[in-house]
Amino acid sequence: MKRVILLVMIFSVFSNVNAATEYATFESFYTESLGWGAVINALIGAAIVGAIVYFSGGLASPLVAGSTSVIGSTIGNILGYSGAVATKTGLAFLGGGAIASGGFGMLGGAVVITTALEFSTGLMLGYAIETHTANYNQAAFIEHSKNMMNLPLPVQKEGSHAYEAAMVILQKIDKEQPIVSPNNKLLLKQALDANERSLNEEWQNVAGKRLQLLTFKCLLYSSVDDYSHAKETAEKAIIYAKQQGYKYNLPEFIYALSSLYEEKPNITKITQSYLKESILGEPDNLLLPVAMTAYLDRLLYRYTSDNMATEEHIKQVALIATHPTLQKYSIINLSIIMVRYFTLLKLQQQNITAIVTSTNDTIRNSPQFSKKLKTSLTAYAQLLKDGREILNILLHQSIDHMNDEQRRKTEAELRQFRSLMNEYEKDEKRLITLVTN
């Protein structure tokens, strides 16, 4: 699956509004308009129905009519795409890239969605118990990141002469091609080079303009998966913004996201300081669901690939999403998070099943895999506990603002979420028996 950039195609509805005097906020790069607000509302509606229905395997509700790909296409279309690009983008948003980043190998988004969260007790995903290791590989992480959501390139065209010139270059990017395609990479490099020259030449210019260029630079680096330079530049932007008295929510988020690519990141500090402050510092940020998805799926990669992230880290992100100031996006954010909980429950269930049912005596008798069985069972129990807590919060969210049809569908699908959680809770006893016997 190729990650395709969210570009001007998505944000063509934006008005060209100057976001007050801030230069490093989400709003200052992705200006708000009534058109984009309508897109977000439609996205919320599709995500809540799509995630709950299709992540139950398409079997849980009479509302289902068609394949998993339909929901991916629906969300992708809302975001401005068409055809295969729309499907891939929609599946990535819902979670089609998360489980594909762990020991299950590179499964297609539709395969993940139709199997990972359809409750069953059998071995469905073919977990690679003989090849999966806990060694961190940054190059592999970056490659898998192409399946995940990322922030779009900016749409705000106003700024310094250098910024506006770089934006002209970005208008030439082919929106139908992956951002890593040769032509797009060349254009992004040209924009980065122009930005770098301007930073060197305009150091004594208006402080806000310099901050805009620094933030723009770290955003471009993250767009091309150069997370080392993205973090370095984001840190410079944060320091400079503090000195000049500006907000810095956008570079703060990029710093948090990029830090997850370090070999041994302090994930609690990154989440509780940088991510939390970035999100809560701009609670009306219309890109908040996309930002939460981007961070959470990278966190899940570190959980599934090298065990650097833990259940506690996932819960930390979930609790940020429950903050009262984020009420506007609570349903979509909590639905996105619940999808990841169900995905991880399935992963641990499959870990246990794969090892216990293996016909390879070396695996069955190995102390390494005996330990892994116990670890997976402990993780399963913790994910159940945390997932139930977040689900209860989701179930108590107000849906009074929805129309009758939306309310009816949402209530029906939330019942399916509850049913799916009940199934995983009941399965814990079976898994304990498998491990102890």
Protein backbone atom coordinates (compact mmCIF):
# COMPACT_ATOMS: atom_id res chain seq x y z
CA MET A 1 0.00 0.00 0.00
CA LYS A 2 1.37 3.38 -0.92
CA ARG A 3 0.69 6.37 1.26
CA VAL A 4 -0.73 9.11 -0.89
CA ILE A 5 -0.52 12.64 0.33
CA LEU A 6 -3.50 14.62 1.56
CA LEU A 7 -3.03 17.68 -0.55
CA VAL A 8 -4.79 20.61 -2.06
CA MET A 9 -7.34 18.18 -3.47
CA ILE A 10 -8.64 17.73 0.06
CA PHE A 11 -8.32 21.29 1.15
CA SER A 12 -9.43 23.15 -1.96
CA VAL A 13 -12.47 24.21 0.04
CA PHE A 14 -10.31 26.24 2.40
CA SER A 15 -10.53 29.99 2.35
CA ASN A 16 -7.28 31.87 2.22
CA VAL A 17 -7.56 33.34 5.71
CA ASN A 18 -4.62 34.76 7.63
CA ALA A 19 -4.63 32.95 10.98
CA ALA A 20 -4.18 35.98 13.22
CA THR A 21 -0.54 36.54 14.18
CA GLU A 22 0.44 32.92 14.75
CA TYR A 23 2.93 31.18 12.51
CA ALA A 24 3.39 27.68 13.98
CA THR A 25 -0.13 26.42 14.70
CA PHE A 26 -2.20 23.94 12.73
CA GLU A 27 -4.59 26.73 11.81
CA SER A 28 -1.81 28.90 10.43
CA PHE A 29 -0.95 26.19 7.90
CA TYR A 30 -4.40 24.66 7.41
CA THR A 31 -6.78 27.59 7.50
CA GLU A 32 -10.37 26.89 8.49
CA SER A 33 -13.45 27.37 6.37
CA LEU A 34 -17.05 26.25 6.45
CA GLY A 35 -16.26 23.88 3.61
CA TRP A 36 -13.62 21.99 5.59
CA GLY A 37 -15.93 21.86 8.61
CA ALA A 38 -18.49 20.07 6.45
CA VAL A 39 -15.82 17.61 5.30
CA ILE A 40 -14.93 16.79 8.92
CA ASN A 41 -18.59 16.28 9.85
CA ALA A 42 -19.03 13.88 6.94
CA LEU A 43 -15.81 12.10 7.89
CA ILE A 44 -17.03 11.62 11.45
CA GLY A 45 -20.26 10.09 10.21
CA ALA A 46 -18.52 7.69 7.85
CA ALA A 47 -15.86 6.71 10.38
CA ILE A 48 -18.21 5.91 13.24
CA VAL A 49 -20.41 3.72 11.05
CA GLY A 50 -17.59 2.32 8.93
CA ALA A 51 -15.26 1.42 11.75
CA ILE A 52 -17.86 -0.27 13.91
CA VAL A 53 -19.65 -2.16 11.15
CA TYR A 54 -16.71 -3.32 9.11
CA PHE A 55 -14.37 -3.99 11.97
CA SER A 56 -16.92 -6.51 13.19
CA GLY A 57 -16.23 -8.42 9.99
CA GLY A 58 -19.32 -7.15 8.21
CA LEU A 59 -21.40 -9.73 10.07
CA ALA A 60 -22.62 -7.75 13.03
CA SER A 61 -25.21 -5.46 11.53
CA PRO A 62 -28.03 -5.50 8.98
CA LEU A 63 -26.79 -2.09 7.90
CA VAL A 64 -23.89 -3.73 6.08
CA ALA A 65 -24.27 -3.92 2.33
CA GLY A 66 -21.08 -4.62 0.38
CA SER A 67 -17.42 -5.25 1.00
CA THR A 68 -15.00 -3.64 3.41
CA SER A 69 -13.52 -1.70 0.53
CA VAL A 70 -16.75 0.26 0.22
CA ILE A 71 -16.21 2.00 3.54
CA GLY A 72 -12.58 2.72 2.71
CA SER A 73 -13.68 4.26 -0.56
CA THR A 74 -16.40 6.28 1.17
CA ILE A 75 -13.99 7.86 3.61
CA GLY A 76 -11.35 8.32 0.92
CA ASN A 77 -13.92 10.06 -1.27
CA ILE A 78 -14.86 12.39 1.58
CA LEU A 79 -11.18 13.27 1.89
CA GLY A 80 -11.10 14.13 -1.80
CA TYR A 81 -9.79 10.98 -3.48
CA SER A 82 -11.24 8.56 -6.01
CA GLY A 83 -10.74 4.95 -7.10
CA ALA A 84 -7.99 2.84 -5.52
CA VAL A 85 -6.39 5.89 -3.92
CA ALA A 86 -9.61 6.64 -2.05
CA THR A 87 -9.87 3.07 -0.77
CA LYS A 88 -6.28 2.95 0.46
CA THR A 89 -6.53 6.34 2.17
CA GLY A 90 -9.80 5.42 3.87
CA LEU A 91 -8.48 2.08 5.11
CA ALA A 92 -5.34 3.72 6.47
CA PHE A 93 -7.48 6.20 8.41
CA LEU A 94 -9.65 3.46 9.89
CA GLY A 95 -6.67 1.32 10.86
CA GLY A 96 -5.76 -0.79 7.87
CA GLY A 97 -2.08 -0.02 8.27
CA ALA A 98 -1.68 -0.67 11.97
CA ILE A 99 -1.68 -4.45 12.33
CA ALA A 100 0.17 -4.79 9.02
CA SER A 101 3.16 -3.24 10.76
CA GLY A 102 3.72 -6.03 13.27
CA GLY A 103 4.51 -9.72 13.18
CA PHE A 104 1.60 -10.39 10.86
CA GLY A 105 3.57 -9.16 7.86
CA MET A 106 2.33 -6.86 5.13
CA LEU A 107 -1.36 -7.70 4.87
CA GLY A 108 -3.61 -5.59 2.69
CA GLY A 109 -5.82 -3.03 4.44
CA ALA A 110 -9.04 -4.83 3.51
CA VAL A 111 -7.65 -8.13 4.82
CA VAL A 112 -6.77 -6.52 8.12
CA ILE A 113 -10.16 -4.92 8.56
CA THR A 114 -12.20 -7.99 7.66
CA THR A 115 -10.19 -10.44 9.79
CA ALA A 116 -8.35 -8.66 12.59
CA LEU A 117 -11.50 -7.52 14.38
CA GLU A 118 -13.99 -10.18 13.37
CA PHE A 119 -14.32 -12.23 16.52
CA SER A 120 -13.32 -15.88 16.23
CA THR A 121 -11.17 -18.26 18.20
CA GLY A 122 -9.30 -19.82 15.30
CA LEU A 123 -5.93 -18.94 13.81
CA MET A 124 -6.70 -16.44 11.06
CA LEU A 125 -3.70 -14.22 10.40
CA GLY A 126 -0.75 -16.60 10.27
CA TYR A 127 1.45 -14.83 12.80
CA ALA A 128 5.15 -15.33 12.00
CA ILE A 129 6.20 -16.86 15.32
CA GLU A 130 9.49 -18.16 13.92
CA THR A 131 10.64 -14.92 12.34
CA HIS A 132 9.23 -12.14 14.51
CA THR A 133 11.96 -10.54 16.62
CA ALA A 134 12.04 -7.64 19.04
CA ASN A 135 14.94 -5.82 17.37
CA TYR A 136 14.27 -2.25 16.29
CA ASN A 137 14.81 -1.49 12.62
CA GLN A 138 14.29 2.17 11.78
CA ALA A 139 14.44 1.60 8.02
CA ALA A 140 11.65 -0.98 8.28
CA PHE A 141 9.61 1.42 10.44
CA ILE A 142 9.97 4.19 7.87
CA GLU A 143 8.95 1.81 5.10
CA HIS A 144 5.85 0.69 7.00
CA SER A 145 5.01 4.33 7.70
CA LYS A 146 4.04 4.67 4.06
CA ASN A 147 0.92 2.69 4.97
CA MET A 148 -0.02 5.09 7.75
CA MET A 149 -1.70 8.46 7.89
CA ASN A 150 0.44 11.57 7.93
CA LEU A 151 -0.23 15.28 8.03
CA PRO A 152 -1.04 16.85 4.68
CA LEU A 153 1.12 19.44 3.07
CA PRO A 154 0.04 22.98 3.98
CA VAL A 155 -2.61 24.93 2.11
CA GLN A 156 -1.91 28.39 3.52
CA LYS A 157 -0.30 30.29 0.65
CA GLU A 158 0.46 33.58 2.36
CA GLY A 159 3.74 34.27 4.10
CA SER A 160 7.18 35.53 3.34
CA HIS A 161 8.29 35.72 -0.28
CA ALA A 162 10.35 32.57 0.24
CA TYR A 163 7.43 30.66 1.74
CA GLU A 164 5.10 31.67 -1.07
CA ALA A 165 7.70 30.65 -3.65
CA ALA A 166 8.03 27.20 -2.05
CA MET A 167 4.25 26.82 -2.05
CA VAL A 168 4.23 27.49 -5.79
CA ILE A 169 6.59 24.53 -6.19
CA LEU A 170 4.30 22.30 -4.14
CA GLN A 171 1.34 23.11 -6.38
CA LYS A 172 3.08 21.04 -9.06
CA ILE A 173 2.96 17.83 -7.01
CA ASP A 174 1.00 15.02 -8.63
CA LYS A 175 -1.86 14.25 -6.24
CA GLU A 176 -2.54 10.91 -7.91
CA GLN A 177 0.94 9.59 -7.09
CA PRO A 178 2.56 8.57 -3.79
CA ILE A 179 4.58 11.26 -2.14
CA VAL A 180 7.65 9.05 -2.57
CA SER A 181 7.28 8.93 -6.35
CA PRO A 182 10.42 10.26 -8.11
CA ASN A 183 8.80 13.43 -9.46
CA ASN A 184 7.13 14.34 -6.17
CA LYS A 185 10.30 13.71 -4.18
CA LEU A 186 12.18 16.00 -6.55
CA LEU A 187 9.63 18.77 -6.05
CA LEU A 188 9.73 18.39 -2.29
CA LYS A 189 13.53 18.56 -2.35
CA GLN A 190 13.32 21.74 -4.40
CA ALA A 191 10.94 23.24 -1.83
CA LEU A 192 13.21 22.19 1.03
CA ASP A 193 16.28 23.66 -0.68
CA ALA A 194 14.48 26.95 -1.32
CA ASN A 195 13.33 27.02 2.30
CA GLU A 196 16.83 26.36 3.60
CA ARG A 197 18.33 29.15 1.51
CA SER A 198 15.69 31.53 2.77
CA LEU A 199 16.31 30.65 6.41
CA ASN A 200 19.97 31.49 5.92
CA GLU A 201 19.20 34.75 4.15
CA GLU A 202 16.25 36.00 6.19
CA TRP A 203 17.52 35.39 9.71
CA GLN A 204 17.12 39.04 10.65
CA ASN A 205 13.66 39.42 9.14
CA VAL A 206 10.36 39.48 11.02
CA ALA A 207 10.40 36.78 13.71
CA GLY A 208 7.03 35.35 12.71
CA LYS A 209 8.15 34.78 9.14
CA ARG A 210 11.24 32.89 10.29
CA LEU A 211 9.11 30.74 12.56
CA GLN A 212 6.82 30.01 9.64
CA LEU A 213 9.78 28.85 7.55
CA LEU A 214 11.12 26.64 10.35
CA THR A 215 7.72 25.02 10.87
CA PHE A 216 7.27 24.58 7.14
CA LYS A 217 10.66 22.90 6.95
CA CYS A 218 9.95 20.31 9.65
CA LEU A 219 6.56 19.61 8.06
CA LEU A 220 8.23 18.94 4.70
CA TYR A 221 10.79 16.65 6.30
CA SER A 222 8.07 14.58 7.96
CA SER A 223 6.21 14.39 4.64
CA VAL A 224 9.17 12.63 3.04
CA ASP A 225 9.75 10.37 6.07
CA ASP A 226 12.98 12.11 7.11
CA TYR A 227 12.07 12.02 10.77
CA SER A 228 15.53 12.72 12.11
CA HIS A 229 15.70 16.11 10.41
CA ALA A 230 11.99 16.69 11.10
CA LYS A 231 12.58 16.33 14.83
CA GLU A 232 15.72 18.46 14.78
CA THR A 233 13.98 21.28 12.91
CA ALA A 234 10.82 21.01 15.02
CA GLU A 235 12.92 21.46 18.15
CA LYS A 236 14.48 24.61 16.68
CA ALA A 237 11.02 25.93 15.84
CA ILE A 238 9.78 25.25 19.38
CA ILE A 239 12.74 27.00 20.99
CA TYR A 240 12.43 29.97 18.65
CA ALA A 241 8.66 30.24 19.20
CA LYS A 242 9.16 30.27 22.97
CA GLN A 243 11.75 33.02 22.68
CA GLN A 244 9.47 35.14 20.53
CA GLY A 245 6.25 34.45 22.43
CA TYR A 246 4.39 32.51 19.72
CA LYS A 247 2.38 29.29 19.91
CA TYR A 248 4.05 26.18 18.50
CA ASN A 249 1.41 23.43 18.39
CA LEU A 250 2.33 22.14 14.92
CA PRO A 251 6.12 21.70 15.43
CA GLU A 252 5.34 20.26 18.85
CA PHE A 253 3.22 17.55 17.22
CA ILE A 254 5.87 16.86 14.57
CA TYR A 255 8.49 16.60 17.33
CA ALA A 256 6.33 14.01 19.14
CA LEU A 257 5.64 12.02 15.99
CA SER A 258 9.27 12.05 14.86
CA SER A 259 10.56 11.06 18.30
CA LEU A 260 8.82 7.70 17.97
CA TYR A 261 11.44 6.79 15.34
CA GLU A 262 14.30 6.90 17.84
CA GLU A 263 15.66 3.56 18.95
CA LYS A 264 14.75 4.09 22.60
CA PRO A 265 12.33 7.00 22.90
CA ASN A 266 10.90 8.14 26.23
CA ILE A 267 7.34 7.53 25.05
CA THR A 268 5.66 8.65 28.27
CA LYS A 269 7.44 12.02 28.15
CA ILE A 270 6.78 12.41 24.43
CA THR A 271 3.08 11.65 24.83
CA GLN A 272 2.37 13.46 28.08
CA SER A 273 4.36 16.55 27.20
CA TYR A 274 4.68 17.14 23.47
CA LEU A 275 1.66 15.29 22.07
CA LYS A 276 -0.71 16.31 24.87
CA GLU A 277 0.32 19.95 24.80
CA SER A 278 0.09 20.05 21.01
CA ILE A 279 -3.43 18.59 20.99
CA LEU A 280 -4.87 20.44 23.97
CA GLY A 281 -3.16 23.68 22.97
CA GLU A 282 -5.34 23.82 19.86
CA PRO A 283 -8.53 21.86 20.70
CA ASP A 284 -10.45 23.20 17.69
CA ASN A 285 -7.81 21.90 15.30
CA LEU A 286 -9.78 20.40 12.43
CA LEU A 287 -6.97 17.97 11.67
CA LEU A 288 -7.07 16.51 15.16
CA PRO A 289 -8.53 13.09 14.13
CA VAL A 290 -5.88 12.75 11.42
CA ALA A 291 -3.11 13.75 13.85
CA MET A 292 -4.33 11.30 16.50
CA THR A 293 -4.46 8.51 13.93
CA ALA A 294 -0.94 9.26 12.68
CA TYR A 295 0.56 9.21 16.18
CA LEU A 296 -1.40 6.23 17.45
CA ASP A 297 -0.53 3.95 14.54
CA ARG A 298 3.16 4.68 14.88
CA LEU A 299 2.84 3.92 18.57
CA LEU A 300 1.21 0.61 17.69
CA TYR A 301 4.13 -0.16 15.41
CA ARG A 302 6.52 0.16 18.34
CA TYR A 303 4.15 -2.06 20.34
CA THR A 304 3.95 -4.81 17.74
CA SER A 305 7.46 -4.69 16.29
CA ASP A 306 9.91 -4.31 19.15
CA ASN A 307 7.81 -3.97 22.33
CA MET A 308 9.10 -0.47 22.99
CA ALA A 309 5.54 0.79 23.46
CA THR A 310 3.31 -0.76 26.11
CA GLU A 311 -0.38 -0.94 26.95
CA GLU A 312 0.16 2.00 29.31
CA HIS A 313 1.44 4.18 26.46
CA ILE A 314 -1.63 3.39 24.38
CA LYS A 315 -3.88 4.28 27.28
CA GLN A 316 -2.08 7.59 27.73
CA VAL A 317 -3.07 8.59 24.19
CA ALA A 318 -6.62 7.35 24.78
CA LEU A 319 -6.99 9.46 27.89
CA ILE A 320 -5.86 12.56 26.03
CA ALA A 321 -8.75 11.96 23.61
CA THR A 322 -11.21 11.97 26.54
CA HIS A 323 -10.26 15.49 27.65
CA PRO A 324 -13.36 17.73 27.96
CA THR A 325 -11.96 20.35 25.59
CA LEU A 326 -11.91 17.75 22.78
CA GLN A 327 -15.61 16.97 23.05
CA LYS A 328 -16.16 18.12 19.47
CA TYR A 329 -14.17 15.15 18.15
CA SER A 330 -14.73 12.66 20.97
CA ILE A 331 -16.81 10.13 19.02
CA ILE A 332 -14.46 9.85 16.06
CA ASN A 333 -11.29 9.90 18.20
CA LEU A 334 -12.57 7.29 20.64
CA SER A 335 -13.86 5.12 17.79
CA ILE A 336 -10.43 5.24 16.16
CA ILE A 337 -8.84 4.25 19.47
CA MET A 338 -11.28 1.40 20.07
CA VAL A 339 -10.47 -0.01 16.65
CA ARG A 340 -6.82 -0.18 17.72
CA TYR A 341 -7.73 -1.87 20.99
CA PHE A 342 -9.68 -4.56 19.17
CA THR A 343 -6.78 -4.95 16.75
CA LEU A 344 -4.31 -5.51 19.58
CA LEU A 345 -6.65 -7.92 21.34
CA LYS A 346 -6.83 -9.94 18.14
CA LEU A 347 -3.03 -9.80 17.83
CA GLN A 348 -2.47 -11.18 21.34
CA GLN A 349 -5.16 -13.81 20.84
CA GLN A 350 -3.42 -14.90 17.64
CA ASN A 351 -0.03 -14.92 19.37
CA ILE A 352 -1.31 -17.42 21.92
CA THR A 353 -3.21 -19.53 19.42
CA ALA A 354 -0.30 -19.70 16.98
CA ILE A 355 2.18 -20.92 19.58
CA VAL A 356 -0.15 -23.38 21.33
CA THR A 357 -1.34 -24.97 18.08
CA SER A 358 2.10 -25.11 16.47
CA THR A 359 3.24 -28.57 15.38
CA ASN A 360 6.87 -27.52 15.69
CA ASP A 361 8.22 -29.15 18.86
CA THR A 362 11.12 -26.71 19.00
CA ILE A 363 8.64 -23.85 19.30
CA ARG A 364 6.30 -25.60 21.70
CA ASN A 365 9.13 -26.59 24.05
CA SER A 366 11.10 -23.36 23.82
CA PRO A 367 11.43 -21.29 27.04
CA GLN A 368 11.35 -18.21 24.80
CA PHE A 369 7.88 -18.99 23.52
CA SER A 370 6.68 -20.19 26.90
CA LYS A 371 7.55 -16.74 28.20
CA LYS A 372 5.88 -15.16 25.19
CA LEU A 373 2.66 -17.03 25.96
CA LYS A 374 2.54 -15.61 29.47
CA THR A 375 3.44 -12.13 28.23
CA SER A 376 0.69 -12.22 25.61
CA LEU A 377 -1.86 -13.39 28.16
CA THR A 378 -0.91 -10.59 30.55
CA ALA A 379 -1.10 -8.06 27.72
CA TYR A 380 -4.49 -9.44 26.67
CA ALA A 381 -5.86 -8.91 30.20
CA GLN A 382 -4.55 -5.34 30.35
CA LEU A 383 -5.92 -4.48 26.91
CA LEU A 384 -9.32 -5.81 27.98
CA LYS A 385 -9.29 -3.65 31.10
CA ASP A 386 -8.15 -0.48 29.34
CA GLY A 387 -10.31 -1.08 26.27
CA ARG A 388 -13.42 -1.55 28.42
CA GLU A 389 -12.67 1.72 30.22
CA ILE A 390 -12.35 3.66 26.96
CA LEU A 391 -15.39 1.94 25.47
CA ASN A 392 -17.51 2.96 28.47
CA ILE A 393 -16.44 6.56 27.91
CA LEU A 394 -17.34 6.28 24.23
CA LEU A 395 -20.74 4.76 25.01
CA HIS A 396 -21.58 7.74 27.23
CA GLN A 397 -20.78 10.39 24.62
CA SER A 398 -23.67 12.60 23.65
CA ILE A 399 -25.17 12.07 20.20
CA ASP A 400 -27.90 14.67 20.63
CA HIS A 401 -26.34 16.82 17.91
CA MET A 402 -26.97 14.09 15.30
CA ASN A 403 -30.08 13.84 13.17
CA ASP A 404 -32.48 10.92 13.71
CA GLU A 405 -30.93 8.71 11.05
CA GLN A 406 -27.38 9.30 12.25
CA ARG A 407 -28.41 8.70 15.85
CA ARG A 408 -30.16 5.44 14.98
CA LYS A 409 -27.17 4.08 13.09
CA THR A 410 -24.66 5.22 15.68
CA GLU A 411 -26.60 3.66 18.54
CA ALA A 412 -26.90 0.37 16.62
CA GLU A 413 -23.19 0.21 15.83
CA LEU A 414 -22.12 1.19 19.33
CA ARG A 415 -24.07 -1.83 20.52
CA GLN A 416 -21.91 -3.89 18.19
CA PHE A 417 -18.77 -2.44 19.76
CA ARG A 418 -20.10 -3.50 23.14
CA SER A 419 -20.90 -6.97 21.82
CA LEU A 420 -17.43 -7.40 20.35
CA MET A 421 -15.80 -6.40 23.63
CA ASN A 422 -17.97 -8.90 25.46
CA GLU A 423 -16.77 -11.66 23.14
CA TYR A 424 -13.11 -10.86 23.77
CA GLU A 425 -13.74 -10.74 27.50
CA LYS A 426 -15.40 -14.16 27.45
CA ASP A 427 -12.52 -15.57 25.38
CA GLU A 428 -9.99 -14.75 28.08
CA LYS A 429 -10.94 -17.90 30.04
CA ARG A 430 -10.30 -20.07 26.97
CA LEU A 431 -6.89 -18.48 26.44
CA ILE A 432 -5.91 -19.00 30.07
CA THR A 433 -6.79 -22.67 29.71
CA LEU A 434 -4.69 -22.96 26.55
CA VAL A 435 -1.66 -21.45 28.24
CA THR A 436 -1.90 -23.34 31.54
CA ASN A 437 -2.42 -26.70 29.82
